[in-house]
Amino acid sequence: MTGRVRMAENGAQLLARIEGRRSLEDIDQNVFPVNGGPLQGDVIEFHGVEGSGKTEMLYHLLIRCILPTHSGGLEVEVVFVDTDYHFDMLRLVSILESRLTSSSPPQSEMEEVVRSSLCRLSVLHCSSSVQLLLTLHYLEGVVCSRPALCLLVIDSISAFFWIDHANGGDSLTRQEANLRKCTEILDRLRRDYGVVVFATTHAVMRNYSSSSGSSEPSGSAPSWKRNSDFDKQYLCRSWQKILTHRLLFSKSEQSSVSEEHKRIFSSACSTVRTKGVHRCVFHLTEAGVQFSAG
């Protein structure tokens, strides 16, 4: 029985590879460096403290994926796994409509584009690491028959860190067991099917002895690898090994960053394929992420 199941899985994997999945490399060059966008099978970590713009950036990139090509999108399917129960469908639709309104389509056409775009999005909720593991098992069986499914978003993959830490007692192996199993499935999804994974992680281990002004301008600003105030990795080593990109998010603590008193956010992207760090600055509006110069 197991052999027959494995044979069927391998056939499905072959079919998925033959049909191929659309590349997300050009999803947004404000966020990712030139020639450093997410290729098939890449795993991107969005890391930062709460309120640093991670989820809003996910909405921005997600909308780019689900919009049809004639509206400037990539027209691919996305699965969004919400572990923090922060997913806001009304906010997502509001940003989506704002993006469409800028091109002034007829109302009936805009409604149809919104409807068709949302049909490419599936939202799942998980309340424990066991439930996340079961959800990923389910997705592994689904993805082979959905070649249009190109992006899996998990917000956040670190949601159950402290619960699992407590349940595992003094054993690091037990503490990390569920996340390691989740990572194994994610590794198969990216390797066998070319699915891109976006996952957020909370910056829960902060160096309070460092300066609170982590985003102060400087010609020799340290990279995210040396920015120990926010970037300390704490998830299991198997998760760290499959990462191809890491985006470090931060927010300005200054109240007079602009004449409109907007809170300024920034991200610093590092990849295994490019040198250096690609930085972008943005603020949030009713229409979602708006990038700033510099």
C-alpha atoms as a PDB file:
ATOM      1  CA  MET A   1       0.000   0.000   0.000  1.00  0.00           C
ATOM      2  CA  THR A   2       2.756   2.376   0.966  1.00  0.00           C
ATOM      3  CA  GLY A   3       4.593   1.616  -2.263  1.00  0.00           C
ATOM      4  CA  ARG A   4       1.522   2.393  -4.362  1.00  0.00           C
ATOM      5  CA  VAL A   5       0.980   5.688  -2.527  1.00  0.00           C
ATOM      6  CA  ARG A   6       4.634   6.626  -2.996  1.00  0.00           C
ATOM      7  CA  MET A   7       4.432   5.737  -6.688  1.00  0.00           C
ATOM      8  CA  ALA A   8       1.349   7.969  -7.096  1.00  0.00           C
ATOM      9  CA  GLU A   9       3.082  10.797  -5.262  1.00  0.00           C
ATOM     10  CA  ASN A  10       6.128  10.566  -7.482  1.00  0.00           C
ATOM     11  CA  GLY A  11       3.942  10.630 -10.599  1.00  0.00           C
ATOM     12  CA  ALA A  12       2.145  13.723  -9.316  1.00  0.00           C
ATOM     13  CA  GLN A  13       5.461  15.372  -8.523  1.00  0.00           C
ATOM     14  CA  LEU A  14       6.683  14.660 -12.047  1.00  0.00           C
ATOM     15  CA  LEU A  15       3.490  16.124 -13.543  1.00  0.00           C
ATOM     16  CA  ALA A  16       3.806  19.238 -11.390  1.00  0.00           C
ATOM     17  CA  ARG A  17       7.406  19.718 -12.482  1.00  0.00           C
ATOM     18  CA  ILE A  18       6.512  19.249 -16.152  1.00  0.00           C
ATOM     19  CA  GLU A  19       3.684  21.780 -16.007  1.00  0.00           C
ATOM     20  CA  GLY A  20       5.820  24.151 -13.977  1.00  0.00           C
ATOM     21  CA  ARG A  21       4.847  27.026 -11.718  1.00  0.00           C
ATOM     22  CA  ARG A  22       5.115  30.694 -12.480  1.00  0.00           C
ATOM     23  CA  SER A  23       8.226  32.417 -11.212  1.00  0.00           C
ATOM     24  CA  LEU A  24       7.811  35.129  -8.566  1.00  0.00           C
ATOM     25  CA  GLU A  25      11.245  36.610  -9.254  1.00  0.00           C
ATOM     26  CA  ASP A  26       9.806  39.958 -10.361  1.00  0.00           C
ATOM     27  CA  ILE A  27       7.206  40.189  -7.595  1.00  0.00           C
ATOM     28  CA  ASP A  28       8.627  43.531  -6.368  1.00  0.00           C
ATOM     29  CA  GLN A  29      12.103  44.942  -6.901  1.00  0.00           C
ATOM     30  CA  ASN A  30      11.504  47.537  -4.208  1.00  0.00           C
ATOM     31  CA  VAL A  31      11.591  44.712  -1.674  1.00  0.00           C
ATOM     32  CA  PHE A  32      14.004  42.271  -3.288  1.00  0.00           C
ATOM     33  CA  PRO A  33      17.328  43.043  -4.990  1.00  0.00           C
ATOM     34  CA  VAL A  34      17.781  42.854  -8.750  1.00  0.00           C
ATOM     35  CA  ASN A  35      18.336  39.199  -9.690  1.00  0.00           C
ATOM     36  CA  GLY A  36      17.499  38.324  -6.102  1.00  0.00           C
ATOM     37  CA  GLY A  37      13.735  37.878  -6.197  1.00  0.00           C
ATOM     38  CA  PRO A  38      12.140  34.619  -5.069  1.00  0.00           C
ATOM     39  CA  LEU A  39      12.700  31.762  -7.500  1.00  0.00           C
ATOM     40  CA  GLN A  40      10.778  28.495  -7.443  1.00  0.00           C
ATOM     41  CA  GLY A  41      11.407  26.706  -4.163  1.00  0.00           C
ATOM     42  CA  ASP A  42      12.783  29.704  -2.270  1.00  0.00           C
ATOM     43  CA  VAL A  43      11.965  30.233   1.410  1.00  0.00           C
ATOM     44  CA  ILE A  44      11.781  33.822   2.645  1.00  0.00           C
ATOM     45  CA  GLU A  45      11.671  34.809   6.308  1.00  0.00           C
ATOM     46  CA  PHE A  46      10.078  38.136   7.307  1.00  0.00           C
ATOM     47  CA  HIS A  47      11.571  38.928  10.720  1.00  0.00           C
ATOM     48  CA  GLY A  48      10.832  41.812  13.055  1.00  0.00           C
ATOM     49  CA  VAL A  49       9.114  43.021  16.186  1.00  0.00           C
ATOM     50  CA  GLU A  50       5.340  43.297  16.300  1.00  0.00           C
ATOM     51  CA  GLY A  51       4.081  46.340  14.429  1.00  0.00           C
ATOM     52  CA  SER A  52       7.102  46.589  12.122  1.00  0.00           C
ATOM     53  CA  GLY A  53       5.096  46.146   8.904  1.00  0.00           C
ATOM     54  CA  LYS A  54       5.583  42.424   8.207  1.00  0.00           C
ATOM     55  CA  THR A  55       1.918  41.523   7.695  1.00  0.00           C
ATOM     56  CA  GLU A  56       1.221  44.676   5.674  1.00  0.00           C
ATOM     57  CA  MET A  57       4.121  43.766   3.399  1.00  0.00           C
ATOM     58  CA  LEU A  58       2.664  40.272   3.045  1.00  0.00           C
ATOM     59  CA  TYR A  59      -0.657  41.817   1.953  1.00  0.00           C
ATOM     60  CA  HIS A  60       1.205  43.983  -0.565  1.00  0.00           C
ATOM     61  CA  LEU A  61       3.033  41.024  -2.115  1.00  0.00           C
ATOM     62  CA  LEU A  62       0.036  38.698  -1.871  1.00  0.00           C
ATOM     63  CA  ILE A  63      -2.132  41.129  -3.858  1.00  0.00           C
ATOM     64  CA  ARG A  64       0.533  41.332  -6.550  1.00  0.00           C
ATOM     65  CA  CYS A  65       0.300  37.541  -6.824  1.00  0.00           C
ATOM     66  CA  ILE A  66      -3.476  37.140  -7.009  1.00  0.00           C
ATOM     67  CA  LEU A  67      -4.248  40.080  -9.310  1.00  0.00           C
ATOM     68  CA  PRO A  68      -4.779  39.104 -12.964  1.00  0.00           C
ATOM     69  CA  THR A  69      -1.998  39.892 -15.405  1.00  0.00           C
ATOM     70  CA  HIS A  70      -4.038  42.593 -17.160  1.00  0.00           C
ATOM     71  CA  SER A  71      -4.235  44.427 -13.817  1.00  0.00           C
ATOM     72  CA  GLY A  72      -0.510  44.218 -13.177  1.00  0.00           C
ATOM     73  CA  GLY A  73      -0.530  40.998 -11.180  1.00  0.00           C
ATOM     74  CA  LEU A  74       1.030  37.567 -11.567  1.00  0.00           C
ATOM     75  CA  GLU A  75      -2.308  35.696 -11.565  1.00  0.00           C
ATOM     76  CA  VAL A  76      -1.194  32.817  -9.339  1.00  0.00           C
ATOM     77  CA  GLU A  77      -2.839  31.042  -6.420  1.00  0.00           C
ATOM     78  CA  VAL A  78      -1.806  31.664  -2.823  1.00  0.00           C
ATOM     79  CA  VAL A  79      -2.456  29.775   0.413  1.00  0.00           C
ATOM     80  CA  PHE A  80      -2.299  31.951   3.536  1.00  0.00           C
ATOM     81  CA  VAL A  81      -1.906  30.062   6.833  1.00  0.00           C
ATOM     82  CA  ASP A  82      -2.882  32.350   9.714  1.00  0.00           C
ATOM     83  CA  THR A  83      -1.470  31.173  13.039  1.00  0.00           C
ATOM     84  CA  ASP A  84      -1.712  34.518  14.871  1.00  0.00           C
ATOM     85  CA  TYR A  85      -5.376  35.077  13.948  1.00  0.00           C
ATOM     86  CA  HIS A  86      -4.394  38.534  12.704  1.00  0.00           C
ATOM     87  CA  PHE A  87      -5.445  38.044   9.089  1.00  0.00           C
ATOM     88  CA  ASP A  88      -7.777  40.907   8.134  1.00  0.00           C
ATOM     89  CA  MET A  89      -9.801  40.165   5.002  1.00  0.00           C
ATOM     90  CA  LEU A  90     -11.439  43.600   5.042  1.00  0.00           C
ATOM     91  CA  ARG A  91      -8.021  45.259   5.095  1.00  0.00           C
ATOM     92  CA  LEU A  92      -6.828  43.057   2.236  1.00  0.00           C
ATOM     93  CA  VAL A  93      -9.885  43.850   0.100  1.00  0.00           C
ATOM     94  CA  SER A  94      -9.520  47.567   0.869  1.00  0.00           C
ATOM     95  CA  ILE A  95      -5.911  47.554  -0.371  1.00  0.00           C
ATOM     96  CA  LEU A  96      -6.900  45.495  -3.396  1.00  0.00           C
ATOM     97  CA  GLU A  97      -9.673  47.932  -4.323  1.00  0.00           C
ATOM     98  CA  SER A  98      -7.365  50.922  -3.805  1.00  0.00           C
ATOM     99  CA  ARG A  99      -4.827  49.438  -6.168  1.00  0.00           C
ATOM    100  CA  LEU A 100      -7.493  48.872  -8.813  1.00  0.00           C
ATOM    101  CA  THR A 101      -9.076  52.311  -8.330  1.00  0.00           C
ATOM    102  CA  SER A 102      -5.818  53.973  -9.376  1.00  0.00           C
ATOM    103  CA  SER A 103      -6.409  52.682 -12.924  1.00  0.00           C
ATOM    104  CA  SER A 104     -10.056  53.906 -12.902  1.00  0.00           C
ATOM    105  CA  PRO A 105     -11.842  50.800 -14.227  1.00  0.00           C
ATOM    106  CA  PRO A 106     -15.658  50.664 -14.446  1.00  0.00           C
ATOM    107  CA  GLN A 107     -17.278  49.603 -11.166  1.00  0.00           C
ATOM    108  CA  SER A 108     -18.582  46.337 -12.595  1.00  0.00           C
ATOM    109  CA  GLU A 109     -15.159  45.456 -13.972  1.00  0.00           C
ATOM    110  CA  MET A 110     -13.456  46.254 -10.665  1.00  0.00           C
ATOM    111  CA  GLU A 111     -15.894  44.039  -8.761  1.00  0.00           C
ATOM    112  CA  GLU A 112     -15.185  41.177 -11.154  1.00  0.00           C
ATOM    113  CA  VAL A 113     -11.415  41.604 -10.783  1.00  0.00           C
ATOM    114  CA  VAL A 114     -11.731  41.632  -6.980  1.00  0.00           C
ATOM    115  CA  ARG A 115     -13.892  38.509  -7.065  1.00  0.00           C
ATOM    116  CA  SER A 116     -11.578  36.617  -9.418  1.00  0.00           C
ATOM    117  CA  SER A 117      -8.514  37.683  -7.431  1.00  0.00           C
ATOM    118  CA  LEU A 118      -9.958  36.488  -4.124  1.00  0.00           C
ATOM    119  CA  CYS A 119     -10.817  33.152  -5.747  1.00  0.00           C
ATOM    120  CA  ARG A 120      -7.059  32.612  -6.064  1.00  0.00           C
ATOM    121  CA  LEU A 121      -6.585  33.015  -2.304  1.00  0.00           C
ATOM    122  CA  SER A 122      -7.185  30.314   0.295  1.00  0.00           C
ATOM    123  CA  VAL A 123      -6.978  31.221   3.995  1.00  0.00           C
ATOM    124  CA  LEU A 124      -6.438  28.560   6.660  1.00  0.00           C
ATOM    125  CA  HIS A 125      -6.257  29.055  10.425  1.00  0.00           C
ATOM    126  CA  CYS A 126      -4.136  27.077  12.889  1.00  0.00           C
ATOM    127  CA  SER A 127      -4.168  27.323  16.676  1.00  0.00           C
ATOM    128  CA  SER A 128      -1.301  24.958  17.563  1.00  0.00           C
ATOM    129  CA  SER A 129       1.885  23.545  16.081  1.00  0.00           C
ATOM    130  CA  VAL A 130       0.167  20.160  15.752  1.00  0.00           C
ATOM    131  CA  GLN A 131      -2.614  21.769  13.733  1.00  0.00           C
ATOM    132  CA  LEU A 132      -0.021  23.530  11.578  1.00  0.00           C
ATOM    133  CA  LEU A 133       1.700  20.211  10.968  1.00  0.00           C
ATOM    134  CA  LEU A 134      -1.578  18.559   9.927  1.00  0.00           C
ATOM    135  CA  THR A 135      -2.388  21.516   7.674  1.00  0.00           C
ATOM    136  CA  LEU A 136       0.953  21.206   5.903  1.00  0.00           C
ATOM    137  CA  HIS A 137       0.372  17.466   5.467  1.00  0.00           C
ATOM    138  CA  TYR A 138      -2.955  18.320   3.843  1.00  0.00           C
ATOM    139  CA  LEU A 139      -1.349  20.903   1.558  1.00  0.00           C
ATOM    140  CA  GLU A 140       1.265  18.394   0.480  1.00  0.00           C
ATOM    141  CA  GLY A 141      -1.539  16.270  -0.924  1.00  0.00           C
ATOM    142  CA  VAL A 142      -3.242  19.234  -2.595  1.00  0.00           C
ATOM    143  CA  VAL A 143      -0.373  21.110  -4.207  1.00  0.00           C
ATOM    144  CA  CYS A 144       0.444  18.421  -6.775  1.00  0.00           C
ATOM    145  CA  SER A 145      -2.962  18.890  -8.425  1.00  0.00           C
ATOM    146  CA  ARG A 146      -2.809  22.717  -8.364  1.00  0.00           C
ATOM    147  CA  PRO A 147       0.038  23.914 -10.595  1.00  0.00           C
ATOM    148  CA  ALA A 148      -1.237  27.504 -10.273  1.00  0.00           C
ATOM    149  CA  LEU A 149      -0.509  27.410  -6.518  1.00  0.00           C
ATOM    150  CA  CYS A 150       2.844  29.180  -6.360  1.00  0.00           C
ATOM    151  CA  LEU A 151       3.004  30.808  -2.928  1.00  0.00           C
ATOM    152  CA  LEU A 152       2.484  29.525   0.616  1.00  0.00           C
ATOM    153  CA  VAL A 153       2.367  32.198   3.326  1.00  0.00           C
ATOM    154  CA  ILE A 154       2.640  31.378   7.044  1.00  0.00           C
ATOM    155  CA  ASP A 155       1.973  34.263   9.426  1.00  0.00           C
ATOM    156  CA  SER A 156       3.684  33.404  11.649  1.00  0.00           C
ATOM    157  CA  ILE A 157       5.761  30.245  11.840  1.00  0.00           C
ATOM    158  CA  SER A 158       7.058  31.265  15.270  1.00  0.00           C
ATOM    159  CA  ALA A 159       3.581  31.663  16.807  1.00  0.00           C
ATOM    160  CA  PHE A 160       3.827  28.485  18.896  1.00  0.00           C
ATOM    161  CA  PHE A 161       7.466  28.781  19.925  1.00  0.00           C
ATOM    162  CA  TRP A 162       6.852  29.489  23.609  1.00  0.00           C
ATOM    163  CA  ILE A 163       4.009  26.958  23.921  1.00  0.00           C
ATOM    164  CA  ASP A 164       6.145  24.210  22.380  1.00  0.00           C
ATOM    165  CA  HIS A 165       9.068  25.335  24.512  1.00  0.00           C
ATOM    166  CA  ALA A 166       6.979  24.869  27.666  1.00  0.00           C
ATOM    167  CA  ASN A 167       5.415  21.586  26.541  1.00  0.00           C
ATOM    168  CA  GLY A 168       8.824  20.148  25.671  1.00  0.00           C
ATOM    169  CA  GLY A 169      10.174  20.516  29.174  1.00  0.00           C
ATOM    170  CA  ASP A 170      13.950  20.395  29.432  1.00  0.00           C
ATOM    171  CA  SER A 171      14.364  18.492  26.164  1.00  0.00           C
ATOM    172  CA  LEU A 172      15.322  20.658  23.188  1.00  0.00           C
ATOM    173  CA  THR A 173      14.435  17.745  20.906  1.00  0.00           C
ATOM    174  CA  ARG A 174      10.856  17.663  22.206  1.00  0.00           C
ATOM    175  CA  GLN A 175      10.589  21.463  22.165  1.00  0.00           C
ATOM    176  CA  GLU A 176      11.502  21.599  18.473  1.00  0.00           C
ATOM    177  CA  ALA A 177       9.874  18.351  17.324  1.00  0.00           C
ATOM    178  CA  ASN A 178       6.758  19.810  15.681  1.00  0.00           C
ATOM    179  CA  LEU A 179       8.583  22.674  13.980  1.00  0.00           C
ATOM    180  CA  ARG A 180      11.204  20.276  12.619  1.00  0.00           C
ATOM    181  CA  LYS A 181       8.430  18.097  11.159  1.00  0.00           C
ATOM    182  CA  CYS A 182       6.773  21.195   9.663  1.00  0.00           C
ATOM    183  CA  THR A 183      10.108  22.209   8.165  1.00  0.00           C
ATOM    184  CA  GLU A 184      10.552  18.765   6.601  1.00  0.00           C
ATOM    185  CA  ILE A 185       7.212  19.138   4.801  1.00  0.00           C
ATOM    186  CA  LEU A 186       8.017  22.692   3.712  1.00  0.00           C
ATOM    187  CA  ASP A 187      11.326  21.442   2.366  1.00  0.00           C
ATOM    188  CA  ARG A 188       9.510  18.828   0.276  1.00  0.00           C
ATOM    189  CA  LEU A 189       6.968  21.383  -0.968  1.00  0.00           C
ATOM    190  CA  ARG A 190       9.690  23.726  -2.147  1.00  0.00           C
ATOM    191  CA  ARG A 191      12.031  21.044  -3.481  1.00  0.00           C
ATOM    192  CA  ASP A 192       9.530  18.720  -5.207  1.00  0.00           C
ATOM    193  CA  TYR A 193       6.923  21.240  -6.346  1.00  0.00           C
ATOM    194  CA  GLY A 194       8.744  24.567  -6.564  1.00  0.00           C
ATOM    195  CA  VAL A 195       6.369  26.330  -4.159  1.00  0.00           C
ATOM    196  CA  VAL A 196       7.703  29.609  -2.738  1.00  0.00           C
ATOM    197  CA  VAL A 197       7.298  30.017   1.031  1.00  0.00           C
ATOM    198  CA  PHE A 198       6.903  33.345   2.848  1.00  0.00           C
ATOM    199  CA  ALA A 199       6.932  33.034   6.645  1.00  0.00           C
ATOM    200  CA  THR A 200       7.014  35.670   9.346  1.00  0.00           C
ATOM    201  CA  THR A 201       8.878  35.306  12.629  1.00  0.00           C
ATOM    202  CA  HIS A 202       8.568  37.476  15.706  1.00  0.00           C
ATOM    203  CA  ALA A 203      11.690  39.164  17.074  1.00  0.00           C
ATOM    204  CA  VAL A 204      11.261  37.891  20.616  1.00  0.00           C
ATOM    205  CA  MET A 205      14.937  37.854  21.617  1.00  0.00           C
ATOM    206  CA  ARG A 206      16.113  41.436  21.723  1.00  0.00           C
ATOM    207  CA  ASN A 207      19.391  42.893  22.945  1.00  0.00           C
ATOM    208  CA  TYR A 208      18.200  45.698  25.207  1.00  0.00           C
ATOM    209  CA  SER A 209      21.741  46.800  25.950  1.00  0.00           C
ATOM    210  CA  SER A 210      22.096  48.147  22.396  1.00  0.00           C
ATOM    211  CA  SER A 211      20.926  51.537  21.258  1.00  0.00           C
ATOM    212  CA  SER A 212      17.177  51.901  20.813  1.00  0.00           C
ATOM    213  CA  GLY A 213      17.684  53.899  17.627  1.00  0.00           C
ATOM    214  CA  SER A 214      18.275  50.876  15.400  1.00  0.00           C
ATOM    215  CA  SER A 215      17.343  52.684  12.181  1.00  0.00           C
ATOM    216  CA  GLU A 216      19.380  55.869  12.541  1.00  0.00           C
ATOM    217  CA  PRO A 217      20.942  56.955   9.222  1.00  0.00           C
ATOM    218  CA  SER A 218      24.610  56.269   8.697  1.00  0.00           C
ATOM    219  CA  GLY A 219      26.824  55.905   5.660  1.00  0.00           C
ATOM    220  CA  SER A 220      28.289  52.760   7.194  1.00  0.00           C
ATOM    221  CA  ALA A 221      25.103  51.251   8.563  1.00  0.00           C
ATOM    222  CA  PRO A 222      25.597  47.682   9.800  1.00  0.00           C
ATOM    223  CA  SER A 223      23.987  44.844   7.870  1.00  0.00           C
ATOM    224  CA  TRP A 224      21.139  42.820   9.338  1.00  0.00           C
ATOM    225  CA  LYS A 225      23.661  40.108  10.198  1.00  0.00           C
ATOM    226  CA  ARG A 226      25.302  42.457  12.693  1.00  0.00           C
ATOM    227  CA  ASN A 227      22.148  44.227  13.824  1.00  0.00           C
ATOM    228  CA  SER A 228      21.887  42.184  17.018  1.00  0.00           C
ATOM    229  CA  ASP A 229      19.093  44.353  18.392  1.00  0.00           C
ATOM    230  CA  PHE A 230      16.492  42.533  16.303  1.00  0.00           C
ATOM    231  CA  ASP A 231      17.853  39.725  14.168  1.00  0.00           C
ATOM    232  CA  LYS A 232      18.730  36.945  16.603  1.00  0.00           C
ATOM    233  CA  GLN A 233      17.582  33.604  15.198  1.00  0.00           C
ATOM    234  CA  TYR A 234      16.003  31.205  17.648  1.00  0.00           C
ATOM    235  CA  LEU A 235      13.990  28.695  15.607  1.00  0.00           C
ATOM    236  CA  CYS A 236      15.339  25.195  14.995  1.00  0.00           C
ATOM    237  CA  ARG A 237      18.424  24.714  12.852  1.00  0.00           C
ATOM    238  CA  SER A 238      16.513  22.764  10.192  1.00  0.00           C
ATOM    239  CA  TRP A 239      14.360  25.865   9.565  1.00  0.00           C
ATOM    240  CA  GLN A 240      17.411  28.094   9.287  1.00  0.00           C
ATOM    241  CA  LYS A 241      19.003  25.700   6.774  1.00  0.00           C
ATOM    242  CA  ILE A 242      16.196  25.995   4.187  1.00  0.00           C
ATOM    243  CA  LEU A 243      16.106  29.816   4.188  1.00  0.00           C
ATOM    244  CA  THR A 244      17.177  31.514   0.955  1.00  0.00           C
ATOM    245  CA  HIS A 245      16.165  35.076   1.891  1.00  0.00           C
ATOM    246  CA  ARG A 246      15.818  36.970   5.143  1.00  0.00           C
ATOM    247  CA  LEU A 247      14.059  40.312   5.461  1.00  0.00           C
ATOM    248  CA  LEU A 248      14.662  42.226   8.668  1.00  0.00           C
ATOM    249  CA  PHE A 249      11.892  44.745   9.406  1.00  0.00           C
ATOM    250  CA  SER A 250      12.196  47.752  11.683  1.00  0.00           C
ATOM    251  CA  LYS A 251      10.170  50.850  12.463  1.00  0.00           C
ATOM    252  CA  SER A 252      11.240  54.385  13.241  1.00  0.00           C
ATOM    253  CA  GLU A 253      10.644  55.556  16.789  1.00  0.00           C
ATOM    254  CA  GLN A 254      10.841  59.204  15.727  1.00  0.00           C
ATOM    255  CA  SER A 255       7.588  61.160  15.746  1.00  0.00           C
ATOM    256  CA  SER A 256       8.682  63.816  13.233  1.00  0.00           C
ATOM    257  CA  VAL A 257       9.970  61.650  10.411  1.00  0.00           C
ATOM    258  CA  SER A 258       7.874  63.587   7.890  1.00  0.00           C
ATOM    259  CA  GLU A 259       5.598  66.563   7.672  1.00  0.00           C
ATOM    260  CA  GLU A 260       2.600  64.216   7.738  1.00  0.00           C
ATOM    261  CA  HIS A 261       3.974  62.519  10.882  1.00  0.00           C
ATOM    262  CA  LYS A 262       3.920  59.136   9.183  1.00  0.00           C
ATOM    263  CA  ARG A 263       5.553  56.191  10.863  1.00  0.00           C
ATOM    264  CA  ILE A 264       8.430  55.080   8.657  1.00  0.00           C
ATOM    265  CA  PHE A 265       9.271  51.398   8.259  1.00  0.00           C
ATOM    266  CA  SER A 266      12.209  49.713   6.601  1.00  0.00           C
ATOM    267  CA  SER A 267      13.267  46.264   5.472  1.00  0.00           C
ATOM    268  CA  ALA A 268      16.724  44.884   4.803  1.00  0.00           C
ATOM    269  CA  CYS A 269      16.846  41.884   2.480  1.00  0.00           C
ATOM    270  CA  SER A 270      19.757  39.467   2.345  1.00  0.00           C
ATOM    271  CA  THR A 271      19.824  36.434   0.036  1.00  0.00           C
ATOM    272  CA  VAL A 272      22.062  33.440  -0.589  1.00  0.00           C
ATOM    273  CA  ARG A 273      22.417  34.483  -4.250  1.00  0.00           C
ATOM    274  CA  THR A 274      23.349  38.152  -3.957  1.00  0.00           C
ATOM    275  CA  LYS A 275      25.986  40.102  -2.087  1.00  0.00           C
ATOM    276  CA  GLY A 276      25.242  42.822   0.397  1.00  0.00           C
ATOM    277  CA  VAL A 277      21.892  43.928   1.746  1.00  0.00           C
ATOM    278  CA  HIS A 278      19.030  45.462  -0.233  1.00  0.00           C
ATOM    279  CA  ARG A 279      17.173  48.065   1.814  1.00  0.00           C
ATOM    280  CA  CYS A 280      13.835  49.716   1.245  1.00  0.00           C
ATOM    281  CA  VAL A 281      11.877  52.331   3.176  1.00  0.00           C
ATOM    282  CA  PHE A 282       8.098  52.493   3.244  1.00  0.00           C
ATOM    283  CA  HIS A 283       5.112  53.860   5.103  1.00  0.00           C
ATOM    284  CA  LEU A 284       1.556  52.601   5.445  1.00  0.00           C
ATOM    285  CA  THR A 285      -1.573  54.270   4.098  1.00  0.00           C
ATOM    286  CA  GLU A 286      -5.189  53.274   3.561  1.00  0.00           C
ATOM    287  CA  ALA A 287      -4.001  51.969   0.182  1.00  0.00           C
ATOM    288  CA  GLY A 288      -1.348  49.775   1.791  1.00  0.00           C
ATOM    289  CA  VAL A 289       2.428  49.894   1.492  1.00  0.00           C
ATOM    290  CA  GLN A 290       3.867  53.025  -0.125  1.00  0.00           C
ATOM    291  CA  PHE A 291       7.595  53.032  -0.851  1.00  0.00           C
ATOM    292  CA  SER A 292       9.778  56.046  -0.146  1.00  0.00           C
ATOM    293  CA  ALA A 293      12.918  57.221  -1.904  1.00  0.00           C
ATOM    294  CA  GLY A 294      16.226  56.458  -0.283  1.00  0.00           C
END
